Amino acid sequence: MGATILVGTCSWTDKTLLESGWYPRGVNTPEERLRYYAQHFPIVEVDSSYYALPNERNAGLWVERTPPYFRFDIKAFSLFTHHPTPISALPRDVREALPHGLRERERLYYRDLPPELRDELWERFAAALLPLDSAGKLGVILFQFPPWFLPGKESRRYIQELRERLPQYTPAIEFRQERWLGEERDRAAVLRFLREHRLPLVCVDEPQGFVSSVPPLAEATAEVSVVRLHGRNATAWQAKGATVAERFNYLYERGELEEWVPRVRKLAQEAQEVHVLFNNCFRDYAVRNAHQMTELLAAR
């Protein structure tokens, strides 16, 4: 097994995690929590960057508060993955630069923005991550596309454009639409496309049987490979009105984790680095399963 395998979770400040008692008494500040988390895991995914642009100051603090080997995977801003984004999530000067017809809206899509404002947001996003990149602590930029992001020329062109927008970083692609990977022929074409452009496919474990479901593949398409485990709570996965906590309320059993051990080892034979991230962020479920996976992978 040649690759470095890093196991962690998709948040270290989730509300239900803070309430679970995993952090010891007295570990109360953002700095203390990150330092404590980094004693247990070598990687974490930042999801706050989905809701608002990251900032350089925070990135610098993350560098200071973690060991030299630590990695941060960064979730792309919602606008960049074609999700509806509240105007309030945009920087004030960008909001003020919007055409009058857009300022009154509550939410915007990427297609709504004038090209010059798109460029500005991309530049700010990239600049904010420079402290992590300079310190060697930046992992991948996670682009989790929604179910309405369908296969086609425009979608592939946009994915290809990510390399141009973030030339110094590594965009990783997660699909939430069965048509990308559901059929064997389509799957082979998508994997060829990602390999051609050196873009990691995000391999997922998630509830099956939905339009948003993709199969649990273990395919390395770039130097870094990424696995995200969302849990298997099929009842709440797409239930109307279900909260985020309810959707990810799932604790993997040991046997379910064992299914992924040979898959992760396969990825480690094909990639230089493998990120295994638990997104079942309900109470301490993700950290418990991450510890279990670390032990399983270490066993011979």
C-alpha atoms as a PDB file:
ATOM      1  CA  MET A   1       0.000   0.000   0.000  1.00  0.00           C
ATOM      2  CA  GLY A   2       1.836   3.058  -1.233  1.00  0.00           C
ATOM      3  CA  ALA A   3      -0.508   5.954  -0.493  1.00  0.00           C
ATOM      4  CA  THR A   4      -0.966   7.904   2.714  1.00  0.00           C
ATOM      5  CA  ILE A   5      -4.474   7.292   4.078  1.00  0.00           C
ATOM      6  CA  LEU A   6      -5.979  10.111   6.135  1.00  0.00           C
ATOM      7  CA  VAL A   7      -9.188   9.467   8.080  1.00  0.00           C
ATOM      8  CA  GLY A   8     -11.328  12.198   9.644  1.00  0.00           C
ATOM      9  CA  THR A   9     -14.761  13.819   9.717  1.00  0.00           C
ATOM     10  CA  CYS A  10     -16.690  16.458   7.811  1.00  0.00           C
ATOM     11  CA  SER A  11     -16.834  18.977  10.652  1.00  0.00           C
ATOM     12  CA  TRP A  12     -15.324  19.611  14.039  1.00  0.00           C
ATOM     13  CA  THR A  13     -17.855  22.241  15.221  1.00  0.00           C
ATOM     14  CA  ASP A  14     -21.163  20.580  14.421  1.00  0.00           C
ATOM     15  CA  LYS A  15     -23.772  21.580  17.016  1.00  0.00           C
ATOM     16  CA  THR A  16     -24.759  18.039  17.916  1.00  0.00           C
ATOM     17  CA  LEU A  17     -21.088  17.032  18.221  1.00  0.00           C
ATOM     18  CA  LEU A  18     -20.536  19.855  20.699  1.00  0.00           C
ATOM     19  CA  GLU A  19     -23.570  18.642  22.663  1.00  0.00           C
ATOM     20  CA  SER A  20     -22.457  14.996  22.633  1.00  0.00           C
ATOM     21  CA  GLY A  21     -19.694  15.399  25.206  1.00  0.00           C
ATOM     22  CA  TRP A  22     -16.900  14.258  22.878  1.00  0.00           C
ATOM     23  CA  TYR A  23     -14.917  17.402  23.657  1.00  0.00           C
ATOM     24  CA  PRO A  24     -13.687  17.338  27.258  1.00  0.00           C
ATOM     25  CA  ARG A  25     -14.965  19.863  29.743  1.00  0.00           C
ATOM     26  CA  GLY A  26     -13.004  23.080  29.407  1.00  0.00           C
ATOM     27  CA  VAL A  27     -12.385  22.645  25.681  1.00  0.00           C
ATOM     28  CA  ASN A  28     -14.749  25.436  24.721  1.00  0.00           C
ATOM     29  CA  THR A  29     -13.143  27.820  22.230  1.00  0.00           C
ATOM     30  CA  PRO A  30     -12.690  27.337  18.473  1.00  0.00           C
ATOM     31  CA  GLU A  31      -8.919  27.170  18.986  1.00  0.00           C
ATOM     32  CA  GLU A  32      -9.138  24.562  21.747  1.00  0.00           C
ATOM     33  CA  ARG A  33     -11.562  22.414  19.796  1.00  0.00           C
ATOM     34  CA  LEU A  34      -9.473  22.359  16.630  1.00  0.00           C
ATOM     35  CA  ARG A  35      -6.314  21.570  18.588  1.00  0.00           C
ATOM     36  CA  TYR A  36      -8.115  18.737  20.389  1.00  0.00           C
ATOM     37  CA  TYR A  37      -9.598  17.373  17.156  1.00  0.00           C
ATOM     38  CA  ALA A  38      -6.143  17.427  15.518  1.00  0.00           C
ATOM     39  CA  GLN A  39      -4.810  15.229  18.328  1.00  0.00           C
ATOM     40  CA  HIS A  40      -7.184  12.504  17.133  1.00  0.00           C
ATOM     41  CA  PHE A  41      -7.334  12.880  13.356  1.00  0.00           C
ATOM     42  CA  PRO A  42      -4.984  14.096  10.585  1.00  0.00           C
ATOM     43  CA  ILE A  43      -7.662  15.633   8.360  1.00  0.00           C
ATOM     44  CA  VAL A  44     -10.977  17.478   8.499  1.00  0.00           C
ATOM     45  CA  GLU A  45     -13.430  18.845   5.977  1.00  0.00           C
ATOM     46  CA  VAL A  46     -14.463  22.485   6.291  1.00  0.00           C
ATOM     47  CA  ASP A  47     -18.130  22.943   5.437  1.00  0.00           C
ATOM     48  CA  SER A  48     -18.555  26.585   6.546  1.00  0.00           C
ATOM     49  CA  SER A  49     -17.044  27.588   3.190  1.00  0.00           C
ATOM     50  CA  TYR A  50     -20.196  26.245   1.518  1.00  0.00           C
ATOM     51  CA  TYR A  51     -22.325  28.844   3.279  1.00  0.00           C
ATOM     52  CA  ALA A  52     -19.990  31.835   2.920  1.00  0.00           C
ATOM     53  CA  LEU A  53     -16.659  32.582   1.297  1.00  0.00           C
ATOM     54  CA  PRO A  54     -13.731  31.539   3.489  1.00  0.00           C
ATOM     55  CA  ASN A  55     -11.402  34.253   4.691  1.00  0.00           C
ATOM     56  CA  GLU A  56      -7.635  34.416   4.806  1.00  0.00           C
ATOM     57  CA  ARG A  57      -7.479  35.234   8.521  1.00  0.00           C
ATOM     58  CA  ASN A  58      -9.298  32.043   9.515  1.00  0.00           C
ATOM     59  CA  ALA A  59      -7.163  29.981   7.163  1.00  0.00           C
ATOM     60  CA  GLY A  60      -4.060  31.399   8.834  1.00  0.00           C
ATOM     61  CA  LEU A  61      -5.406  30.515  12.281  1.00  0.00           C
ATOM     62  CA  TRP A  62      -6.158  26.957  11.140  1.00  0.00           C
ATOM     63  CA  VAL A  63      -2.541  26.647  10.035  1.00  0.00           C
ATOM     64  CA  GLU A  64      -1.285  27.820  13.449  1.00  0.00           C
ATOM     65  CA  ARG A  65      -3.584  25.502  15.405  1.00  0.00           C
ATOM     66  CA  THR A  66      -2.776  22.200  13.695  1.00  0.00           C
ATOM     67  CA  PRO A  67       0.309  19.977  13.324  1.00  0.00           C
ATOM     68  CA  PRO A  68       2.497  20.201  10.191  1.00  0.00           C
ATOM     69  CA  TYR A  69       1.015  17.019   8.661  1.00  0.00           C
ATOM     70  CA  PHE A  70      -2.637  18.093   9.038  1.00  0.00           C
ATOM     71  CA  ARG A  71      -4.913  18.546   6.000  1.00  0.00           C
ATOM     72  CA  PHE A  72      -8.044  20.615   5.385  1.00  0.00           C
ATOM     73  CA  ASP A  73     -10.448  19.648   2.613  1.00  0.00           C
ATOM     74  CA  ILE A  74     -12.561  22.692   1.746  1.00  0.00           C
ATOM     75  CA  LYS A  75     -16.160  22.525   0.575  1.00  0.00           C
ATOM     76  CA  ALA A  76     -16.747  24.865  -2.357  1.00  0.00           C
ATOM     77  CA  PHE A  77     -19.021  27.884  -1.940  1.00  0.00           C
ATOM     78  CA  SER A  78     -22.628  26.937  -2.756  1.00  0.00           C
ATOM     79  CA  LEU A  79     -22.802  29.362  -5.677  1.00  0.00           C
ATOM     80  CA  PHE A  80     -19.945  27.507  -7.402  1.00  0.00           C
ATOM     81  CA  THR A  81     -21.842  24.215  -7.285  1.00  0.00           C
ATOM     82  CA  HIS A  82     -25.034  25.650  -8.779  1.00  0.00           C
ATOM     83  CA  HIS A  83     -26.982  25.632  -5.527  1.00  0.00           C
ATOM     84  CA  PRO A  84     -29.326  28.514  -4.744  1.00  0.00           C
ATOM     85  CA  THR A  85     -27.361  30.922  -2.583  1.00  0.00           C
ATOM     86  CA  PRO A  86     -28.783  33.617  -0.276  1.00  0.00           C
ATOM     87  CA  ILE A  87     -27.759  37.092  -1.375  1.00  0.00           C
ATOM     88  CA  SER A  88     -26.830  37.711   2.250  1.00  0.00           C
ATOM     89  CA  ALA A  89     -24.008  35.142   1.832  1.00  0.00           C
ATOM     90  CA  LEU A  90     -22.254  37.396  -0.698  1.00  0.00           C
ATOM     91  CA  PRO A  91     -19.746  40.022   0.449  1.00  0.00           C
ATOM     92  CA  ARG A  92     -21.373  43.426   0.893  1.00  0.00           C
ATOM     93  CA  ASP A  93     -19.513  45.108  -1.954  1.00  0.00           C
ATOM     94  CA  VAL A  94     -20.489  42.282  -4.303  1.00  0.00           C
ATOM     95  CA  ARG A  95     -24.129  42.621  -3.269  1.00  0.00           C
ATOM     96  CA  GLU A  96     -23.976  46.343  -3.932  1.00  0.00           C
ATOM     97  CA  ALA A  97     -22.465  45.726  -7.380  1.00  0.00           C
ATOM     98  CA  LEU A  98     -25.340  43.471  -8.439  1.00  0.00           C
ATOM     99  CA  PRO A  99     -27.660  44.790 -11.159  1.00  0.00           C
ATOM    100  CA  HIS A 100     -30.792  46.334  -9.651  1.00  0.00           C
ATOM    101  CA  GLY A 101     -32.975  43.481 -10.850  1.00  0.00           C
ATOM    102  CA  LEU A 102     -30.986  40.996  -8.780  1.00  0.00           C
ATOM    103  CA  ARG A 103     -30.623  42.947  -5.542  1.00  0.00           C
ATOM    104  CA  GLU A 104     -34.255  42.367  -4.582  1.00  0.00           C
ATOM    105  CA  ARG A 105     -34.006  38.586  -4.803  1.00  0.00           C
ATOM    106  CA  GLU A 106     -33.503  36.425  -1.736  1.00  0.00           C
ATOM    107  CA  ARG A 107     -31.397  33.837  -3.572  1.00  0.00           C
ATOM    108  CA  LEU A 108     -29.227  33.681  -6.664  1.00  0.00           C
ATOM    109  CA  TYR A 109     -27.769  31.014  -8.890  1.00  0.00           C
ATOM    110  CA  TYR A 110     -24.329  31.078 -10.488  1.00  0.00           C
ATOM    111  CA  ARG A 111     -25.889  31.725 -13.894  1.00  0.00           C
ATOM    112  CA  ASP A 112     -27.487  34.934 -12.571  1.00  0.00           C
ATOM    113  CA  LEU A 113     -24.217  36.715 -11.818  1.00  0.00           C
ATOM    114  CA  PRO A 114     -22.497  39.001 -14.336  1.00  0.00           C
ATOM    115  CA  PRO A 115     -19.163  37.487 -15.505  1.00  0.00           C
ATOM    116  CA  GLU A 116     -17.074  40.132 -13.736  1.00  0.00           C
ATOM    117  CA  LEU A 117     -18.672  39.333 -10.371  1.00  0.00           C
ATOM    118  CA  ARG A 118     -18.170  35.609 -10.918  1.00  0.00           C
ATOM    119  CA  ASP A 119     -14.488  36.288 -11.562  1.00  0.00           C
ATOM    120  CA  GLU A 120     -14.244  38.390  -8.413  1.00  0.00           C
ATOM    121  CA  LEU A 121     -15.758  35.675  -6.220  1.00  0.00           C
ATOM    122  CA  TRP A 122     -13.477  32.994  -7.644  1.00  0.00           C
ATOM    123  CA  GLU A 123     -10.436  35.182  -7.014  1.00  0.00           C
ATOM    124  CA  ARG A 124     -11.452  35.853  -3.410  1.00  0.00           C
ATOM    125  CA  PHE A 125     -12.165  32.184  -2.767  1.00  0.00           C
ATOM    126  CA  ALA A 126      -8.746  31.153  -4.102  1.00  0.00           C
ATOM    127  CA  ALA A 127      -6.904  33.930  -2.248  1.00  0.00           C
ATOM    128  CA  ALA A 128      -8.479  33.005   1.093  1.00  0.00           C
ATOM    129  CA  LEU A 129      -6.959  29.521   0.909  1.00  0.00           C
ATOM    130  CA  LEU A 130      -3.397  30.652   0.226  1.00  0.00           C
ATOM    131  CA  PRO A 131      -2.239  30.295   3.882  1.00  0.00           C
ATOM    132  CA  LEU A 132      -3.323  26.641   3.870  1.00  0.00           C
ATOM    133  CA  ASP A 133      -1.741  25.998   0.500  1.00  0.00           C
ATOM    134  CA  SER A 134       1.530  27.704   1.460  1.00  0.00           C
ATOM    135  CA  ALA A 135       1.740  25.607   4.622  1.00  0.00           C
ATOM    136  CA  GLY A 136       1.112  22.377   2.706  1.00  0.00           C
ATOM    137  CA  LYS A 137      -2.135  21.843   4.612  1.00  0.00           C
ATOM    138  CA  LEU A 138      -4.681  22.278   1.824  1.00  0.00           C
ATOM    139  CA  GLY A 139      -6.258  19.058   0.662  1.00  0.00           C
ATOM    140  CA  VAL A 140      -8.930  19.107  -2.051  1.00  0.00           C
ATOM    141  CA  ILE A 141     -11.692  21.567  -2.874  1.00  0.00           C
ATOM    142  CA  LEU A 142     -14.920  19.585  -2.702  1.00  0.00           C
ATOM    143  CA  PHE A 143     -17.493  20.352  -5.392  1.00  0.00           C
ATOM    144  CA  GLN A 144     -20.698  18.591  -4.371  1.00  0.00           C
ATOM    145  CA  PHE A 145     -23.085  19.087  -7.265  1.00  0.00           C
ATOM    146  CA  PRO A 146     -26.882  18.910  -6.807  1.00  0.00           C
ATOM    147  CA  PRO A 147     -29.328  16.454  -8.443  1.00  0.00           C
ATOM    148  CA  TRP A 148     -30.253  19.030 -11.097  1.00  0.00           C
ATOM    149  CA  PHE A 149     -26.637  19.174 -12.299  1.00  0.00           C
ATOM    150  CA  LEU A 150     -27.200  16.741 -15.168  1.00  0.00           C
ATOM    151  CA  PRO A 151     -24.685  15.109 -17.506  1.00  0.00           C
ATOM    152  CA  GLY A 152     -24.111  17.013 -20.740  1.00  0.00           C
ATOM    153  CA  LYS A 153     -21.695  19.212 -22.634  1.00  0.00           C
ATOM    154  CA  GLU A 154     -22.334  22.305 -20.503  1.00  0.00           C
ATOM    155  CA  SER A 155     -21.842  20.403 -17.247  1.00  0.00           C
ATOM    156  CA  ARG A 156     -18.605  18.826 -18.437  1.00  0.00           C
ATOM    157  CA  ARG A 157     -17.392  22.178 -19.680  1.00  0.00           C
ATOM    158  CA  TYR A 158     -18.064  23.675 -16.269  1.00  0.00           C
ATOM    159  CA  ILE A 159     -16.222  20.862 -14.471  1.00  0.00           C
ATOM    160  CA  GLN A 160     -13.299  21.316 -16.843  1.00  0.00           C
ATOM    161  CA  GLU A 161     -13.353  25.055 -16.112  1.00  0.00           C
ATOM    162  CA  LEU A 162     -12.683  24.367 -12.432  1.00  0.00           C
ATOM    163  CA  ARG A 163      -9.082  23.571 -13.316  1.00  0.00           C
ATOM    164  CA  GLU A 164      -8.790  26.972 -14.968  1.00  0.00           C
ATOM    165  CA  ARG A 165     -10.451  28.778 -12.061  1.00  0.00           C
ATOM    166  CA  LEU A 166      -8.306  27.063  -9.419  1.00  0.00           C
ATOM    167  CA  PRO A 167      -5.118  26.073 -11.256  1.00  0.00           C
ATOM    168  CA  GLN A 168      -3.029  25.726  -8.087  1.00  0.00           C
ATOM    169  CA  TYR A 169      -5.598  23.618  -6.208  1.00  0.00           C
ATOM    170  CA  THR A 170      -7.267  20.207  -6.606  1.00  0.00           C
ATOM    171  CA  PRO A 171     -11.025  20.258  -7.284  1.00  0.00           C
ATOM    172  CA  ALA A 172     -12.731  16.978  -6.301  1.00  0.00           C
ATOM    173  CA  ILE A 173     -16.070  16.081  -7.884  1.00  0.00           C
ATOM    174  CA  GLU A 174     -19.048  14.589  -6.040  1.00  0.00           C
ATOM    175  CA  PHE A 175     -22.172  13.812  -8.029  1.00  0.00           C
ATOM    176  CA  ARG A 176     -25.676  13.703  -6.564  1.00  0.00           C
ATOM    177  CA  GLN A 177     -27.425  12.548  -9.741  1.00  0.00           C
ATOM    178  CA  GLU A 178     -27.721   8.891 -10.697  1.00  0.00           C
ATOM    179  CA  ARG A 179     -27.365   9.542 -14.435  1.00  0.00           C
ATOM    180  CA  TRP A 180     -23.671  10.375 -14.066  1.00  0.00           C
ATOM    181  CA  LEU A 181     -22.591   6.973 -12.770  1.00  0.00           C
ATOM    182  CA  GLY A 182     -25.643   4.696 -12.727  1.00  0.00           C
ATOM    183  CA  GLU A 183     -25.125   2.926 -16.049  1.00  0.00           C
ATOM    184  CA  GLU A 184     -21.876   1.127 -16.828  1.00  0.00           C
ATOM    185  CA  ARG A 185     -21.356   2.901 -20.165  1.00  0.00           C
ATOM    186  CA  ASP A 186     -21.963   6.351 -18.668  1.00  0.00           C
ATOM    187  CA  ARG A 187     -19.750   5.509 -15.716  1.00  0.00           C
ATOM    188  CA  ALA A 188     -16.820   4.531 -17.933  1.00  0.00           C
ATOM    189  CA  ALA A 189     -17.097   7.787 -19.895  1.00  0.00           C
ATOM    190  CA  VAL A 190     -17.218   9.910 -16.721  1.00  0.00           C
ATOM    191  CA  LEU A 191     -14.210   8.146 -15.226  1.00  0.00           C
ATOM    192  CA  ARG A 192     -12.238   8.679 -18.450  1.00  0.00           C
ATOM    193  CA  PHE A 193     -13.171  12.355 -18.416  1.00  0.00           C
ATOM    194  CA  LEU A 194     -12.080  12.841 -14.806  1.00  0.00           C
ATOM    195  CA  ARG A 195      -8.807  10.995 -15.348  1.00  0.00           C
ATOM    196  CA  GLU A 196      -8.079  13.047 -18.446  1.00  0.00           C
ATOM    197  CA  HIS A 197      -8.388  16.249 -16.410  1.00  0.00           C
ATOM    198  CA  ARG A 198      -6.793  14.814 -13.238  1.00  0.00           C
ATOM    199  CA  LEU A 199      -9.884  15.463 -11.148  1.00  0.00           C
ATOM    200  CA  PRO A 200     -10.637  13.174  -8.187  1.00  0.00           C
ATOM    201  CA  LEU A 201     -13.981  11.416  -8.187  1.00  0.00           C
ATOM    202  CA  VAL A 202     -15.459  11.584  -4.702  1.00  0.00           C
ATOM    203  CA  CYS A 203     -16.368   8.002  -3.856  1.00  0.00           C
ATOM    204  CA  VAL A 204     -19.421   7.884  -1.622  1.00  0.00           C
ATOM    205  CA  ASP A 205     -21.346   5.667   0.735  1.00  0.00           C
ATOM    206  CA  GLU A 206     -24.927   6.886   0.904  1.00  0.00           C
ATOM    207  CA  PRO A 207     -28.535   5.646   0.791  1.00  0.00           C
ATOM    208  CA  GLN A 208     -29.338   3.946  -2.506  1.00  0.00           C
ATOM    209  CA  GLY A 209     -32.476   3.979  -4.637  1.00  0.00           C
ATOM    210  CA  PHE A 210     -32.893   7.745  -5.065  1.00  0.00           C
ATOM    211  CA  VAL A 211     -32.390   9.979  -8.086  1.00  0.00           C
ATOM    212  CA  SER A 212     -29.579  11.581  -6.110  1.00  0.00           C
ATOM    213  CA  SER A 213     -27.903   8.247  -5.371  1.00  0.00           C
ATOM    214  CA  VAL A 214     -24.685   7.091  -6.991  1.00  0.00           C
ATOM    215  CA  PRO A 215     -23.158   3.643  -6.458  1.00  0.00           C
ATOM    216  CA  PRO A 216     -20.406   3.056  -3.867  1.00  0.00           C
ATOM    217  CA  LEU A 217     -17.511   3.004  -6.316  1.00  0.00           C
ATOM    218  CA  ALA A 218     -13.838   2.863  -5.430  1.00  0.00           C
ATOM    219  CA  GLU A 219     -12.215   4.531  -8.431  1.00  0.00           C
ATOM    220  CA  ALA A 220      -9.064   6.624  -8.276  1.00  0.00           C
ATOM    221  CA  THR A 221      -9.037   9.241 -11.043  1.00  0.00           C
ATOM    222  CA  ALA A 222      -6.236  11.538  -9.823  1.00  0.00           C
ATOM    223  CA  GLU A 223      -3.242  11.694  -7.484  1.00  0.00           C
ATOM    224  CA  VAL A 224      -5.581  12.222  -4.533  1.00  0.00           C
ATOM    225  CA  SER A 225      -8.598  10.040  -3.918  1.00  0.00           C
ATOM    226  CA  VAL A 226     -11.522  11.009  -1.686  1.00  0.00           C
ATOM    227  CA  VAL A 227     -14.135   8.876   0.099  1.00  0.00           C
ATOM    228  CA  ARG A 228     -17.096  10.469   1.881  1.00  0.00           C
ATOM    229  CA  LEU A 229     -19.394   8.340   4.016  1.00  0.00           C
ATOM    230  CA  HIS A 230     -22.792   9.960   4.501  1.00  0.00           C
ATOM    231  CA  GLY A 231     -24.512   7.174   6.435  1.00  0.00           C
ATOM    232  CA  ARG A 232     -27.348   4.975   5.221  1.00  0.00           C
ATOM    233  CA  ASN A 233     -30.387   6.643   6.734  1.00  0.00           C
ATOM    234  CA  ALA A 234     -32.660   6.026   3.752  1.00  0.00           C
ATOM    235  CA  THR A 235     -35.803   7.020   5.672  1.00  0.00           C
ATOM    236  CA  ALA A 236     -34.655  10.605   6.246  1.00  0.00           C
ATOM    237  CA  TRP A 237     -32.308  11.031   3.254  1.00  0.00           C
ATOM    238  CA  GLN A 238     -34.838  12.880   1.119  1.00  0.00           C
ATOM    239  CA  ALA A 239     -37.733  13.159   3.560  1.00  0.00           C
ATOM    240  CA  LYS A 240     -39.579  16.438   3.248  1.00  0.00           C
ATOM    241  CA  GLY A 241     -38.801  18.668   6.201  1.00  0.00           C
ATOM    242  CA  ALA A 242     -35.984  16.476   7.529  1.00  0.00           C
ATOM    243  CA  THR A 243     -33.231  18.449   9.206  1.00  0.00           C
ATOM    244  CA  VAL A 244     -29.550  18.006   8.390  1.00  0.00           C
ATOM    245  CA  ALA A 245     -29.076  16.255  11.735  1.00  0.00           C
ATOM    246  CA  GLU A 246     -31.911  13.831  10.964  1.00  0.00           C
ATOM    247  CA  ARG A 247     -30.526  12.986   7.514  1.00  0.00           C
ATOM    248  CA  PHE A 248     -27.104  12.106   8.906  1.00  0.00           C
ATOM    249  CA  ASN A 249     -28.349  10.325  12.005  1.00  0.00           C
ATOM    250  CA  TYR A 250     -26.624   7.042  11.260  1.00  0.00           C
ATOM    251  CA  LEU A 251     -23.957   5.100  13.121  1.00  0.00           C
ATOM    252  CA  TYR A 252     -22.142   2.586  10.916  1.00  0.00           C
ATOM    253  CA  GLU A 253     -21.838  -0.935  12.236  1.00  0.00           C
ATOM    254  CA  ARG A 254     -18.439  -2.580  12.146  1.00  0.00           C
ATOM    255  CA  GLY A 255     -19.447  -4.885   9.295  1.00  0.00           C
ATOM    256  CA  GLU A 256     -20.512  -1.924   7.163  1.00  0.00           C
ATOM    257  CA  LEU A 257     -17.161  -0.255   7.711  1.00  0.00           C
ATOM    258  CA  GLU A 258     -15.367  -3.477   6.845  1.00  0.00           C
ATOM    259  CA  GLU A 259     -16.976  -3.318   3.393  1.00  0.00           C
ATOM    260  CA  TRP A 260     -14.901  -0.214   2.712  1.00  0.00           C
ATOM    261  CA  VAL A 261     -11.548  -1.505   3.948  1.00  0.00           C
ATOM    262  CA  PRO A 262     -10.622  -3.346   0.706  1.00  0.00           C
ATOM    263  CA  ARG A 263     -11.998  -0.451  -1.345  1.00  0.00           C
ATOM    264  CA  VAL A 264      -9.853   2.091   0.490  1.00  0.00           C
ATOM    265  CA  ARG A 265      -6.824  -0.181   0.165  1.00  0.00           C
ATOM    266  CA  LYS A 266      -7.501  -0.461  -3.571  1.00  0.00           C
ATOM    267  CA  LEU A 267      -7.558   3.337  -3.841  1.00  0.00           C
ATOM    268  CA  ALA A 268      -4.311   3.474  -1.893  1.00  0.00           C
ATOM    269  CA  GLN A 269      -2.687   1.280  -4.550  1.00  0.00           C
ATOM    270  CA  GLU A 270      -3.783   3.671  -7.308  1.00  0.00           C
ATOM    271  CA  ALA A 271      -3.447   7.131  -5.724  1.00  0.00           C
ATOM    272  CA  GLN A 272      -0.753   8.941  -3.777  1.00  0.00           C
ATOM    273  CA  GLU A 273      -3.062  10.073  -0.961  1.00  0.00           C
ATOM    274  CA  VAL A 274      -6.514   8.900   0.146  1.00  0.00           C
ATOM    275  CA  HIS A 275      -8.904  11.004   2.231  1.00  0.00           C
ATOM    276  CA  VAL A 276     -11.626   9.084   4.101  1.00  0.00           C
ATOM    277  CA  LEU A 277     -14.156  11.453   5.637  1.00  0.00           C
ATOM    278  CA  PHE A 278     -17.229  10.630   7.692  1.00  0.00           C
ATOM    279  CA  ASN A 279     -20.193  12.914   7.064  1.00  0.00           C
ATOM    280  CA  ASN A 280     -22.618  11.137   9.412  1.00  0.00           C
ATOM    281  CA  CYS A 281     -22.339  14.218  11.589  1.00  0.00           C
ATOM    282  CA  PHE A 282     -24.904  13.466  14.259  1.00  0.00           C
ATOM    283  CA  ARG A 283     -23.660  13.707  17.832  1.00  0.00           C
ATOM    284  CA  ASP A 284     -20.343  11.802  18.019  1.00  0.00           C
ATOM    285  CA  TYR A 285     -21.212   9.228  15.339  1.00  0.00           C
ATOM    286  CA  ALA A 286     -18.690  10.524  12.779  1.00  0.00           C
ATOM    287  CA  VAL A 287     -15.762  10.602  15.211  1.00  0.00           C
ATOM    288  CA  ARG A 288     -16.624   7.152  16.559  1.00  0.00           C
ATOM    289  CA  ASN A 289     -16.757   5.670  13.077  1.00  0.00           C
ATOM    290  CA  ALA A 290     -13.588   7.494  12.012  1.00  0.00           C
ATOM    291  CA  HIS A 291     -11.715   5.948  14.942  1.00  0.00           C
ATOM    292  CA  GLN A 292     -13.096   2.522  14.019  1.00  0.00           C
ATOM    293  CA  MET A 293     -12.066   2.910  10.380  1.00  0.00           C
ATOM    294  CA  THR A 294      -8.559   3.976  11.407  1.00  0.00           C
ATOM    295  CA  GLU A 295      -8.240   0.798  13.474  1.00  0.00           C
ATOM    296  CA  LEU A 296      -9.611  -1.422  10.696  1.00  0.00           C
ATOM    297  CA  LEU A 297      -7.218   0.010   8.121  1.00  0.00           C
ATOM    298  CA  ALA A 298      -4.273  -0.443  10.481  1.00  0.00           C
ATOM    299  CA  ALA A 299      -5.094  -4.145  10.998  1.00  0.00           C
ATOM    300  CA  ARG A 300      -3.287  -6.635   8.780  1.00  0.00           C
END
